[in-house]
PDB file of N, CA and C in Angstrom:
ATOM      1  N   MET A   1     -30.760 -38.709 -29.955  1.00  0.00           N
ATOM      2  CA  MET A   1     -30.496 -40.512 -29.864  1.00  0.00           C
ATOM      3  C   MET A   1     -31.538 -41.610 -29.772  1.00  0.00           C
ATOM      4  N   SER A   2     -30.433 -42.723 -29.916  1.00  0.00           N
ATOM      5  CA  SER A   2     -30.935 -43.589 -30.995  1.00  0.00           C
ATOM      6  C   SER A   2     -31.497 -44.084 -30.163  1.00  0.00           C
ATOM      7  N   GLU A   3     -32.584 -45.442 -30.502  1.00  0.00           N
ATOM      8  CA  GLU A   3     -33.420 -46.349 -30.244  1.00  0.00           C
ATOM      9  C   GLU A   3     -32.954 -46.804 -29.100  1.00  0.00           C
ATOM     10  N   ASN A   4     -32.151 -47.076 -29.146  1.00  0.00           N
ATOM     11  CA  ASN A   4     -31.567 -48.217 -28.046  1.00  0.00           C
ATOM     12  C   ASN A   4     -31.156 -47.938 -27.141  1.00  0.00           C
ATOM     13  N   LYS A   5     -31.345 -46.216 -26.544  1.00  0.00           N
ATOM     14  CA  LYS A   5     -30.333 -45.001 -25.017  1.00  0.00           C
ATOM     15  C   LYS A   5     -31.766 -45.349 -24.573  1.00  0.00           C
ATOM     16  N   SER A   6     -31.976 -45.507 -23.562  1.00  0.00           N
ATOM     17  CA  SER A   6     -32.024 -45.373 -22.241  1.00  0.00           C
ATOM     18  C   SER A   6     -32.683 -43.830 -22.770  1.00  0.00           C
ATOM     19  N   TYR A   7     -34.119 -43.067 -21.903  1.00  0.00           N
ATOM     20  CA  TYR A   7     -34.373 -42.386 -21.090  1.00  0.00           C
ATOM     21  C   TYR A   7     -33.333 -41.481 -20.988  1.00  0.00           C
ATOM     22  N   TYR A   8     -33.188 -41.994 -19.774  1.00  0.00           N
ATOM     23  CA  TYR A   8     -32.519 -41.097 -18.701  1.00  0.00           C
ATOM     24  C   TYR A   8     -30.594 -42.197 -19.248  1.00  0.00           C
ATOM     25  N   GLU A   9     -28.812 -41.003 -18.678  1.00  0.00           N
ATOM     26  CA  GLU A   9     -28.130 -42.332 -18.317  1.00  0.00           C
ATOM     27  C   GLU A   9     -28.291 -43.224 -17.735  1.00  0.00           C
ATOM     28  N   ARG A  10     -28.668 -42.407 -16.480  1.00  0.00           N
ATOM     29  CA  ARG A  10     -28.501 -43.031 -14.880  1.00  0.00           C
ATOM     30  C   ARG A  10     -30.016 -42.496 -14.453  1.00  0.00           C
ATOM     31  N   HIS A  11     -30.552 -43.534 -13.736  1.00  0.00           N
ATOM     32  CA  HIS A  11     -31.650 -43.621 -12.793  1.00  0.00           C
ATOM     33  C   HIS A  11     -30.915 -43.552 -11.248  1.00  0.00           C
ATOM     34  N   ILE A  12     -31.351 -42.823 -10.247  1.00  0.00           N
ATOM     35  CA  ILE A  12     -31.923 -43.294  -9.193  1.00  0.00           C
ATOM     36  C   ILE A  12     -32.448 -43.271  -7.944  1.00  0.00           C
ATOM     37  N   PHE A  13     -32.309 -44.733  -7.590  1.00  0.00           N
ATOM     38  CA  PHE A  13     -33.841 -44.334  -6.055  1.00  0.00           C
ATOM     39  C   PHE A  13     -33.572 -44.476  -5.095  1.00  0.00           C
ATOM     40  N   PHE A  14     -34.497 -43.485  -4.282  1.00  0.00           N
ATOM     41  CA  PHE A  14     -33.921 -44.026  -2.636  1.00  0.00           C
ATOM     42  C   PHE A  14     -34.754 -44.010  -2.120  1.00  0.00           C
ATOM     43  N   CYS A  15     -35.004 -45.592  -1.457  1.00  0.00           N
ATOM     44  CA  CYS A  15     -35.695 -45.859  -0.315  1.00  0.00           C
ATOM     45  C   CYS A  15     -37.040 -44.750   0.319  1.00  0.00           C
ATOM     46  N   LEU A  16     -38.145 -44.888   0.376  1.00  0.00           N
ATOM     47  CA  LEU A  16     -38.417 -43.547   1.651  1.00  0.00           C
ATOM     48  C   LEU A  16     -39.429 -44.692   2.656  1.00  0.00           C
ATOM     49  N   ASN A  17     -39.379 -45.273   2.319  1.00  0.00           N
ATOM     50  CA  ASN A  17     -40.515 -45.946   3.329  1.00  0.00           C
ATOM     51  C   ASN A  17     -40.463 -46.400   5.104  1.00  0.00           C
ATOM     52  N   GLN A  18     -41.625 -46.131   5.163  1.00  0.00           N
ATOM     53  CA  GLN A  18     -41.946 -45.647   6.802  1.00  0.00           C
ATOM     54  C   GLN A  18     -42.408 -47.273   6.878  1.00  0.00           C
ATOM     55  N   ARG A  19     -42.028 -48.193   7.734  1.00  0.00           N
ATOM     56  CA  ARG A  19     -42.403 -48.977   8.397  1.00  0.00           C
ATOM     57  C   ARG A  19     -42.975 -48.590   9.911  1.00  0.00           C
ATOM     58  N   ASN A  20     -44.185 -48.803   9.869  1.00  0.00           N
ATOM     59  CA  ASN A  20     -44.557 -48.725  10.819  1.00  0.00           C
ATOM     60  C   ASN A  20     -45.274 -49.664  11.818  1.00  0.00           C
ATOM     61  N   ASN A  21     -44.621 -51.375  11.919  1.00  0.00           N
ATOM     62  CA  ASN A  21     -44.850 -51.918  12.879  1.00  0.00           C
ATOM     63  C   ASN A  21     -43.096 -52.698  13.655  1.00  0.00           C
ATOM     64  N   GLY A  22     -42.469 -51.153  13.443  1.00  0.00           N
ATOM     65  CA  GLY A  22     -41.538 -51.521  14.332  1.00  0.00           C
ATOM     66  C   GLY A  22     -40.162 -52.231  13.619  1.00  0.00           C
ATOM     67  N   GLU A  23     -39.950 -52.722  12.702  1.00  0.00           N
ATOM     68  CA  GLU A  23     -39.283 -53.668  11.772  1.00  0.00           C
ATOM     69  C   GLU A  23     -38.192 -51.708  11.337  1.00  0.00           C
ATOM     70  N   ALA A  24     -36.942 -52.344  10.667  1.00  0.00           N
ATOM     71  CA  ALA A  24     -35.882 -50.976  10.672  1.00  0.00           C
ATOM     72  C   ALA A  24     -36.803 -50.526   9.315  1.00  0.00           C
ATOM     73  N   SER A  25     -36.462 -49.132   9.115  1.00  0.00           N
ATOM     74  CA  SER A  25     -36.738 -48.779   7.221  1.00  0.00           C
ATOM     75  C   SER A  25     -36.141 -47.801   7.069  1.00  0.00           C
ATOM     76  N   CYS A  26     -36.177 -47.376   6.121  1.00  0.00           N
ATOM     77  CA  CYS A  26     -35.345 -45.949   5.543  1.00  0.00           C
ATOM     78  C   CYS A  26     -35.786 -45.133   5.631  1.00  0.00           C
ATOM     79  N   ALA A  27     -37.422 -44.914   5.311  1.00  0.00           N
ATOM     80  CA  ALA A  27     -37.265 -43.894   6.523  1.00  0.00           C
ATOM     81  C   ALA A  27     -37.178 -42.639   7.797  1.00  0.00           C
ATOM     82  N   ASP A  28     -36.520 -44.226   8.140  1.00  0.00           N
ATOM     83  CA  ASP A  28     -35.779 -44.015  10.078  1.00  0.00           C
ATOM     84  C   ASP A  28     -34.440 -43.751  10.261  1.00  0.00           C
ATOM     85  N   HIS A  29     -34.422 -42.936   8.925  1.00  0.00           N
ATOM     86  CA  HIS A  29     -32.654 -43.189   8.584  1.00  0.00           C
ATOM     87  C   HIS A  29     -32.144 -41.850   7.968  1.00  0.00           C
ATOM     88  N   ASN A  30     -33.192 -40.474   7.535  1.00  0.00           N
ATOM     89  CA  ASN A  30     -32.802 -39.318   7.064  1.00  0.00           C
ATOM     90  C   ASN A  30     -33.118 -39.685   5.328  1.00  0.00           C
ATOM     91  N   ALA A  31     -33.418 -40.735   5.102  1.00  0.00           N
ATOM     92  CA  ALA A  31     -33.709 -41.315   3.714  1.00  0.00           C
ATOM     93  C   ALA A  31     -34.603 -40.144   2.852  1.00  0.00           C
ATOM     94  N   GLN A  32     -35.382 -38.907   3.604  1.00  0.00           N
ATOM     95  CA  GLN A  32     -36.266 -37.910   2.978  1.00  0.00           C
ATOM     96  C   GLN A  32     -34.818 -36.725   2.553  1.00  0.00           C
ATOM     97  N   ALA A  33     -33.918 -36.666   3.689  1.00  0.00           N
ATOM     98  CA  ALA A  33     -33.129 -35.456   3.567  1.00  0.00           C
ATOM     99  C   ALA A  33     -32.398 -35.775   2.442  1.00  0.00           C
ATOM    100  N   ALA A  34     -31.704 -37.095   2.611  1.00  0.00           N
ATOM    101  CA  ALA A  34     -31.177 -37.472   1.538  1.00  0.00           C
ATOM    102  C   ALA A  34     -31.786 -37.107  -0.329  1.00  0.00           C
ATOM    103  N   PHE A  35     -32.614 -37.665  -0.036  1.00  0.00           N
ATOM    104  CA  PHE A  35     -33.249 -37.617  -1.215  1.00  0.00           C
ATOM    105  C   PHE A  35     -33.196 -36.172  -2.308  1.00  0.00           C
ATOM    106  N   ASP A  36     -33.677 -35.491  -1.137  1.00  0.00           N
ATOM    107  CA  ASP A  36     -33.486 -33.750  -1.297  1.00  0.00           C
ATOM    108  C   ASP A  36     -32.269 -33.690  -1.865  1.00  0.00           C
ATOM    109  N   ARG A  37     -31.100 -34.165  -0.904  1.00  0.00           N
ATOM    110  CA  ARG A  37     -30.033 -33.994  -1.137  1.00  0.00           C
ATOM    111  C   ARG A  37     -28.943 -33.895  -2.822  1.00  0.00           C
ATOM    112  N   CYS A  38     -29.547 -35.584  -2.764  1.00  0.00           N
ATOM    113  CA  CYS A  38     -29.083 -35.798  -4.119  1.00  0.00           C
ATOM    114  C   CYS A  38     -30.101 -34.953  -4.767  1.00  0.00           C
ATOM    115  N   LYS A  39     -31.795 -34.383  -5.307  1.00  0.00           N
ATOM    116  CA  LYS A  39     -31.479 -33.647  -6.229  1.00  0.00           C
ATOM    117  C   LYS A  39     -31.584 -32.556  -5.822  1.00  0.00           C
ATOM    118  N   SER A  40     -30.910 -31.656  -5.509  1.00  0.00           N
ATOM    119  CA  SER A  40     -30.470 -30.321  -5.594  1.00  0.00           C
ATOM    120  C   SER A  40     -29.105 -30.487  -5.590  1.00  0.00           C
ATOM    121  N   GLN A  41     -28.183 -31.308  -5.089  1.00  0.00           N
ATOM    122  CA  GLN A  41     -26.617 -31.300  -5.931  1.00  0.00           C
ATOM    123  C   GLN A  41     -26.734 -32.079  -6.886  1.00  0.00           C
ATOM    124  N   ALA A  42     -27.739 -32.499  -7.710  1.00  0.00           N
ATOM    125  CA  ALA A  42     -27.425 -33.309  -8.909  1.00  0.00           C
ATOM    126  C   ALA A  42     -28.336 -31.752  -9.889  1.00  0.00           C
ATOM    127  N   LYS A  43     -29.148 -30.713  -9.581  1.00  0.00           N
ATOM    128  CA  LYS A  43     -29.304 -30.690 -10.393  1.00  0.00           C
ATOM    129  C   LYS A  43     -28.882 -28.700 -10.449  1.00  0.00           C
ATOM    130  N   ALA A  44     -28.117 -28.326  -9.017  1.00  0.00           N
ATOM    131  CA  ALA A  44     -26.539 -27.191  -9.089  1.00  0.00           C
ATOM    132  C   ALA A  44     -25.565 -27.803 -10.196  1.00  0.00           C
ATOM    133  N   GLN A  45     -25.412 -28.899 -10.133  1.00  0.00           N
ATOM    134  CA  GLN A  45     -24.609 -29.101 -11.682  1.00  0.00           C
ATOM    135  C   GLN A  45     -24.753 -29.821 -12.690  1.00  0.00           C
ATOM    136  N   GLY A  46     -26.433 -29.849 -12.929  1.00  0.00           N
ATOM    137  CA  GLY A  46     -26.834 -29.533 -14.424  1.00  0.00           C
ATOM    138  C   GLY A  46     -26.780 -31.251 -14.854  1.00  0.00           C
ATOM    139  N   LEU A  47     -26.920 -31.650 -13.750  1.00  0.00           N
ATOM    140  CA  LEU A  47     -26.865 -32.950 -14.107  1.00  0.00           C
ATOM    141  C   LEU A  47     -28.572 -33.760 -14.403  1.00  0.00           C
ATOM    142  N   LEU A  48     -29.960 -33.194 -14.108  1.00  0.00           N
ATOM    143  CA  LEU A  48     -31.285 -33.752 -14.649  1.00  0.00           C
ATOM    144  C   LEU A  48     -30.854 -33.022 -16.116  1.00  0.00           C
ATOM    145  N   GLY A  49     -32.169 -34.456 -16.785  1.00  0.00           N
ATOM    146  CA  GLY A  49     -32.971 -33.935 -17.497  1.00  0.00           C
ATOM    147  C   GLY A  49     -32.829 -35.127 -18.469  1.00  0.00           C
ATOM    148  N   ALA A  50     -33.986 -35.138 -19.290  1.00  0.00           N
ATOM    149  CA  ALA A  50     -33.578 -35.788 -20.444  1.00  0.00           C
ATOM    150  C   ALA A  50     -32.210 -36.328 -21.008  1.00  0.00           C
ATOM    151  N   GLY A  51     -31.892 -37.978 -21.305  1.00  0.00           N
ATOM    152  CA  GLY A  51     -29.890 -37.938 -21.167  1.00  0.00           C
ATOM    153  C   GLY A  51     -29.590 -37.787 -20.164  1.00  0.00           C
ATOM    154  N   LYS A  52     -30.186 -36.962 -19.618  1.00  0.00           N
ATOM    155  CA  LYS A  52     -28.550 -37.178 -17.889  1.00  0.00           C
ATOM    156  C   LYS A  52     -28.714 -37.812 -16.433  1.00  0.00           C
ATOM    157  N   VAL A  53     -29.669 -36.886 -15.712  1.00  0.00           N
ATOM    158  CA  VAL A  53     -30.231 -38.103 -15.067  1.00  0.00           C
ATOM    159  C   VAL A  53     -31.602 -37.957 -13.909  1.00  0.00           C
ATOM    160  N   ARG A  54     -32.254 -39.150 -13.823  1.00  0.00           N
ATOM    161  CA  ARG A  54     -33.467 -38.616 -13.205  1.00  0.00           C
ATOM    162  C   ARG A  54     -33.268 -39.207 -11.884  1.00  0.00           C
ATOM    163  N   VAL A  55     -33.831 -38.908 -10.748  1.00  0.00           N
ATOM    164  CA  VAL A  55     -33.773 -39.290  -8.775  1.00  0.00           C
ATOM    165  C   VAL A  55     -35.365 -38.910  -8.543  1.00  0.00           C
ATOM    166  N   ASN A  56     -35.644 -40.449  -8.320  1.00  0.00           N
ATOM    167  CA  ASN A  56     -36.838 -41.214  -8.273  1.00  0.00           C
ATOM    168  C   ASN A  56     -36.861 -41.862  -6.757  1.00  0.00           C
ATOM    169  N   LYS A  57     -37.782 -41.032  -6.161  1.00  0.00           N
ATOM    170  CA  LYS A  57     -38.526 -41.860  -5.056  1.00  0.00           C
ATOM    171  C   LYS A  57     -38.586 -42.938  -5.011  1.00  0.00           C
ATOM    172  N   ALA A  58     -38.788 -44.086  -3.944  1.00  0.00           N
ATOM    173  CA  ALA A  58     -38.944 -45.385  -4.326  1.00  0.00           C
ATOM    174  C   ALA A  58     -39.994 -45.907  -2.827  1.00  0.00           C
ATOM    175  N   GLY A  59     -40.705 -46.658  -2.868  1.00  0.00           N
ATOM    176  CA  GLY A  59     -40.859 -47.606  -1.735  1.00  0.00           C
ATOM    177  C   GLY A  59     -40.174 -48.114  -1.577  1.00  0.00           C
ATOM    178  N   CYS A  60     -40.751 -49.563  -0.620  1.00  0.00           N
ATOM    179  CA  CYS A  60     -39.194 -50.414  -0.406  1.00  0.00           C
ATOM    180  C   CYS A  60     -38.867 -50.463  -0.935  1.00  0.00           C
ATOM    181  N   LEU A  61     -37.516 -51.095  -1.023  1.00  0.00           N
ATOM    182  CA  LEU A  61     -36.144 -51.914  -2.253  1.00  0.00           C
ATOM    183  C   LEU A  61     -36.136 -52.991  -1.287  1.00  0.00           C
ATOM    184  N   ASP A  62     -36.796 -53.731  -0.506  1.00  0.00           N
ATOM    185  CA  ASP A  62     -36.028 -54.956   0.200  1.00  0.00           C
ATOM    186  C   ASP A  62     -35.277 -55.261   0.713  1.00  0.00           C
ATOM    187  N   ARG A  63     -34.071 -54.463   0.957  1.00  0.00           N
ATOM    188  CA  ARG A  63     -32.813 -54.153   1.421  1.00  0.00           C
ATOM    189  C   ARG A  63     -32.918 -53.953   2.645  1.00  0.00           C
ATOM    190  N   CYS A  64     -33.544 -53.496   3.241  1.00  0.00           N
ATOM    191  CA  CYS A  64     -33.656 -52.838   4.779  1.00  0.00           C
ATOM    192  C   CYS A  64     -32.467 -53.414   5.726  1.00  0.00           C
ATOM    193  N   ALA A  65     -32.015 -54.123   5.631  1.00  0.00           N
ATOM    194  CA  ALA A  65     -30.135 -54.167   6.069  1.00  0.00           C
ATOM    195  C   ALA A  65     -29.905 -53.348   6.252  1.00  0.00           C
ATOM    196  N   GLY A  66     -29.317 -52.773   4.741  1.00  0.00           N
ATOM    197  CA  GLY A  66     -28.506 -52.087   4.155  1.00  0.00           C
ATOM    198  C   GLY A  66     -28.962 -50.991   4.569  1.00  0.00           C
ATOM    199  N   GLY A  67     -30.127 -50.136   4.670  1.00  0.00           N
ATOM    200  CA  GLY A  67     -30.269 -49.063   4.646  1.00  0.00           C
ATOM    201  C   GLY A  67     -29.808 -48.409   6.121  1.00  0.00           C
ATOM    202  N   PRO A  68     -30.293 -46.779   5.066  1.00  0.00           N
ATOM    203  CA  PRO A  68     -31.014 -46.089   4.117  1.00  0.00           C
ATOM    204  C   PRO A  68     -30.066 -47.362   2.633  1.00  0.00           C
ATOM    205  N   ILE A  69     -31.104 -46.911   1.648  1.00  0.00           N
ATOM    206  CA  ILE A  69     -30.816 -47.934   0.371  1.00  0.00           C
ATOM    207  C   ILE A  69     -31.358 -46.738  -0.495  1.00  0.00           C
ATOM    208  N   ALA A  70     -30.154 -46.828  -1.532  1.00  0.00           N
ATOM    209  CA  ALA A  70     -30.591 -46.220  -3.005  1.00  0.00           C
ATOM    210  C   ALA A  70     -29.802 -46.698  -3.672  1.00  0.00           C
ATOM    211  N   VAL A  71     -30.485 -47.235  -4.736  1.00  0.00           N
ATOM    212  CA  VAL A  71     -30.155 -48.440  -6.181  1.00  0.00           C
ATOM    213  C   VAL A  71     -30.067 -47.568  -7.706  1.00  0.00           C
ATOM    214  N   VAL A  72     -28.673 -47.221  -8.705  1.00  0.00           N
ATOM    215  CA  VAL A  72     -27.902 -46.571  -9.872  1.00  0.00           C
ATOM    216  C   VAL A  72     -28.749 -47.437 -10.756  1.00  0.00           C
ATOM    217  N   TYR A  73     -29.569 -47.189 -11.386  1.00  0.00           N
ATOM    218  CA  TYR A  73     -29.148 -48.071 -12.760  1.00  0.00           C
ATOM    219  C   TYR A  73     -29.094 -47.069 -14.063  1.00  0.00           C
ATOM    220  N   PRO A  74     -28.581 -47.401 -15.010  1.00  0.00           N
ATOM    221  CA  PRO A  74     -28.719 -48.737 -15.509  1.00  0.00           C
ATOM    222  C   PRO A  74     -27.142 -49.707 -15.158  1.00  0.00           C
ATOM    223  N   GLU A  75     -26.877 -49.545 -14.032  1.00  0.00           N
ATOM    224  CA  GLU A  75     -25.888 -50.239 -13.639  1.00  0.00           C
ATOM    225  C   GLU A  75     -26.100 -51.195 -12.568  1.00  0.00           C
ATOM    226  N   ALA A  76     -27.345 -50.350 -11.580  1.00  0.00           N
ATOM    227  CA  ALA A  76     -27.633 -51.732 -10.667  1.00  0.00           C
ATOM    228  C   ALA A  76     -26.855 -51.292  -9.240  1.00  0.00           C
ATOM    229  N   VAL A  77     -26.478 -50.379  -9.382  1.00  0.00           N
ATOM    230  CA  VAL A  77     -25.557 -50.462  -8.072  1.00  0.00           C
ATOM    231  C   VAL A  77     -26.691 -50.589  -7.213  1.00  0.00           C
ATOM    232  N   TRP A  78     -26.458 -50.608  -5.745  1.00  0.00           N
ATOM    233  CA  TRP A  78     -26.726 -50.163  -4.356  1.00  0.00           C
ATOM    234  C   TRP A  78     -25.725 -49.731  -3.397  1.00  0.00           C
ATOM    235  N   TYR A  79     -26.914 -48.167  -3.109  1.00  0.00           N
ATOM    236  CA  TYR A  79     -25.504 -48.134  -1.693  1.00  0.00           C
ATOM    237  C   TYR A  79     -26.777 -47.518  -0.578  1.00  0.00           C
ATOM    238  N   SER A  80     -25.506 -48.246   0.207  1.00  0.00           N
ATOM    239  CA  SER A  80     -25.649 -47.348   1.783  1.00  0.00           C
ATOM    240  C   SER A  80     -24.954 -46.924   2.139  1.00  0.00           C
ATOM    241  N   TYR A  81     -25.219 -45.506   2.977  1.00  0.00           N
ATOM    242  CA  TYR A  81     -25.379 -43.950   2.668  1.00  0.00           C
ATOM    243  C   TYR A  81     -25.137 -43.987   4.077  1.00  0.00           C
ATOM    244  N   VAL A  82     -24.873 -42.907   4.606  1.00  0.00           N
ATOM    245  CA  VAL A  82     -25.220 -42.189   6.187  1.00  0.00           C
ATOM    246  C   VAL A  82     -25.004 -40.971   6.181  1.00  0.00           C
ATOM    247  N   ASP A  83     -24.574 -39.643   5.444  1.00  0.00           N
ATOM    248  CA  ASP A  83     -25.137 -38.520   5.545  1.00  0.00           C
ATOM    249  C   ASP A  83     -24.922 -37.271   4.140  1.00  0.00           C
ATOM    250  N   GLU A  84     -24.919 -36.307   4.927  1.00  0.00           N
ATOM    251  CA  GLU A  84     -25.512 -35.701   3.226  1.00  0.00           C
ATOM    252  C   GLU A  84     -23.556 -35.692   2.470  1.00  0.00           C
ATOM    253  N   HIS A  85     -22.661 -36.088   2.992  1.00  0.00           N
ATOM    254  CA  HIS A  85     -21.162 -36.408   1.999  1.00  0.00           C
ATOM    255  C   HIS A  85     -21.012 -38.098   0.842  1.00  0.00           C
ATOM    256  N   ASP A  86     -21.952 -38.436   1.879  1.00  0.00           N
ATOM    257  CA  ASP A  86     -21.610 -39.554   1.592  1.00  0.00           C
ATOM    258  C   ASP A  86     -22.658 -39.238   0.117  1.00  0.00           C
ATOM    259  N   ILE A  87     -23.621 -38.289   0.013  1.00  0.00           N
ATOM    260  CA  ILE A  87     -24.780 -38.870  -1.424  1.00  0.00           C
ATOM    261  C   ILE A  87     -23.670 -37.334  -1.494  1.00  0.00           C
ATOM    262  N   ASP A  88     -22.976 -36.599  -1.937  1.00  0.00           N
ATOM    263  CA  ASP A  88     -22.186 -35.673  -2.166  1.00  0.00           C
ATOM    264  C   ASP A  88     -21.410 -36.698  -3.394  1.00  0.00           C
ATOM    265  N   ASP A  89     -20.946 -37.816  -2.576  1.00  0.00           N
ATOM    266  CA  ASP A  89     -20.285 -38.112  -3.743  1.00  0.00           C
ATOM    267  C   ASP A  89     -20.820 -39.438  -4.950  1.00  0.00           C
ATOM    268  N   ILE A  90     -21.435 -39.237  -3.820  1.00  0.00           N
ATOM    269  CA  ILE A  90     -22.235 -40.685  -5.517  1.00  0.00           C
ATOM    270  C   ILE A  90     -22.619 -39.760  -6.378  1.00  0.00           C
ATOM    271  N   VAL A  91     -23.462 -38.150  -5.708  1.00  0.00           N
ATOM    272  CA  VAL A  91     -23.693 -37.156  -7.292  1.00  0.00           C
ATOM    273  C   VAL A  91     -22.845 -37.096  -8.156  1.00  0.00           C
ATOM    274  N   GLN A  92     -21.559 -36.436  -7.374  1.00  0.00           N
ATOM    275  CA  GLN A  92     -20.094 -36.437  -8.294  1.00  0.00           C
ATOM    276  C   GLN A  92     -19.516 -37.435  -8.586  1.00  0.00           C
ATOM    277  N   SER A  93     -19.099 -38.878  -8.001  1.00  0.00           N
ATOM    278  CA  SER A  93     -18.785 -39.972  -8.701  1.00  0.00           C
ATOM    279  C   SER A  93     -19.213 -40.396  -9.516  1.00  0.00           C
ATOM    280  N   HIS A  94     -20.643 -41.141  -9.553  1.00  0.00           N
ATOM    281  CA  HIS A  94     -21.633 -41.938  -9.759  1.00  0.00           C
ATOM    282  C   HIS A  94     -22.186 -41.218 -10.755  1.00  0.00           C
ATOM    283  N   LEU A  95     -23.032 -40.399 -10.472  1.00  0.00           N
ATOM    284  CA  LEU A  95     -24.002 -39.312 -11.549  1.00  0.00           C
ATOM    285  C   LEU A  95     -23.199 -38.378 -11.883  1.00  0.00           C
ATOM    286  N   ARG A  96     -22.755 -37.911 -11.994  1.00  0.00           N
ATOM    287  CA  ARG A  96     -21.848 -36.971 -13.169  1.00  0.00           C
ATOM    288  C   ARG A  96     -20.256 -38.146 -13.654  1.00  0.00           C
ATOM    289  N   ASP A  97     -19.530 -38.419 -13.423  1.00  0.00           N
ATOM    290  CA  ASP A  97     -18.252 -38.733 -13.968  1.00  0.00           C
ATOM    291  C   ASP A  97     -18.698 -40.564 -14.491  1.00  0.00           C
ATOM    292  N   GLY A  98     -19.942 -41.162 -13.523  1.00  0.00           N
ATOM    293  CA  GLY A  98     -19.599 -42.533 -13.982  1.00  0.00           C
ATOM    294  C   GLY A  98     -19.037 -43.814 -13.414  1.00  0.00           C
ATOM    295  N   VAL A  99     -18.036 -42.957 -11.769  1.00  0.00           N
ATOM    296  CA  VAL A  99     -17.206 -44.337 -11.404  1.00  0.00           C
ATOM    297  C   VAL A  99     -18.115 -44.519  -9.882  1.00  0.00           C
ATOM    298  N   VAL A 100     -18.452 -45.702  -9.989  1.00  0.00           N
ATOM    299  CA  VAL A 100     -18.835 -46.009  -8.317  1.00  0.00           C
ATOM    300  C   VAL A 100     -17.933 -46.021  -7.437  1.00  0.00           C
ATOM    301  N   VAL A 101     -19.194 -45.237  -6.617  1.00  0.00           N
ATOM    302  CA  VAL A 101     -18.048 -45.231  -4.765  1.00  0.00           C
ATOM    303  C   VAL A 101     -17.945 -46.283  -4.451  1.00  0.00           C
ATOM    304  N   GLN A 102     -16.480 -47.182  -4.599  1.00  0.00           N
ATOM    305  CA  GLN A 102     -17.037 -48.438  -4.309  1.00  0.00           C
ATOM    306  C   GLN A 102     -17.221 -48.486  -2.564  1.00  0.00           C
ATOM    307  N   ARG A 103     -16.822 -47.087  -1.686  1.00  0.00           N
ATOM    308  CA  ARG A 103     -17.119 -47.859   0.160  1.00  0.00           C
ATOM    309  C   ARG A 103     -18.394 -47.648   0.962  1.00  0.00           C
ATOM    310  N   LEU A 104     -18.997 -46.921  -0.551  1.00  0.00           N
ATOM    311  CA  LEU A 104     -20.723 -47.274   0.625  1.00  0.00           C
ATOM    312  C   LEU A 104     -21.118 -48.160  -1.211  1.00  0.00           C
ATOM    313  N   VAL A 105     -21.101 -49.212  -1.639  1.00  0.00           N
ATOM    314  CA  VAL A 105     -21.638 -49.764  -2.082  1.00  0.00           C
ATOM    315  C   VAL A 105     -21.737 -51.463  -1.676  1.00  0.00           C
ATOM    316  N   THR A 106     -23.497 -51.642  -0.960  1.00  0.00           N
ATOM    317  CA  THR A 106     -24.435 -52.140  -0.045  1.00  0.00           C
ATOM    318  C   THR A 106     -23.355 -53.215  -0.487  1.00  0.00           C
ATOM    319  N   PRO A 107     -23.210 -54.185   0.260  1.00  0.00           N
ATOM    320  CA  PRO A 107     -22.727 -55.721   0.292  1.00  0.00           C
ATOM    321  C   PRO A 107     -23.689 -56.706  -0.547  1.00  0.00           C
ATOM    322  N   SER A 108     -23.223 -57.744  -1.807  1.00  0.00           N
ATOM    323  CA  SER A 108     -23.929 -58.079  -2.124  1.00  0.00           C
ATOM    324  C   SER A 108     -24.983 -58.850  -1.553  1.00  0.00           C
ATOM    325  N   ASP A 109     -24.746 -59.700  -0.380  1.00  0.00           N
ATOM    326  CA  ASP A 109     -25.793 -60.521   0.485  1.00  0.00           C
ATOM    327  C   ASP A 109     -26.653 -59.877   1.417  1.00  0.00           C
ATOM    328  N   VAL A 110     -26.947 -58.493   1.226  1.00  0.00           N
ATOM    329  CA  VAL A 110     -26.723 -58.341   2.354  1.00  0.00           C
ATOM    330  C   VAL A 110     -28.983 -57.939   2.080  1.00  0.00           C
ATOM    331  N   GLY A 111     -29.817 -58.148   2.635  1.00  0.00           N
ATOM    332  CA  GLY A 111     -31.530 -58.296   2.208  1.00  0.00           C
ATOM    333  C   GLY A 111     -32.055 -57.399   3.131  1.00  0.00           C
ATOM    334  N   ARG A 112     -32.998 -58.277   3.630  1.00  0.00           N
ATOM    335  CA  ARG A 112     -34.343 -57.100   4.143  1.00  0.00           C
ATOM    336  C   ARG A 112     -34.086 -57.582   5.798  1.00  0.00           C
TER     337      ARG A 112
END
């Protein structure tokens, strides 16, 4: 690996935050199941590890209105997903092939 290369080619973070005050949160939308699906699919395809992909849990990413939310770096692409098919598309298209899944991109003006 060259000095300028990141340890991981891509890094995806899933918000798993649960709010207890009645506000919407990603945990209310099966975010844990989506994280688990992403990790298992990436592992099955041999995408995990140094120089490849890392799948991580995150606390609040402050884009609750678009939830559930995940973000892929280094491209800084934010995704709103609904089900396991969306997760499979993110794994196969973006994490494996480097192609953004446009239909799942969170609009840039969506925040908390």
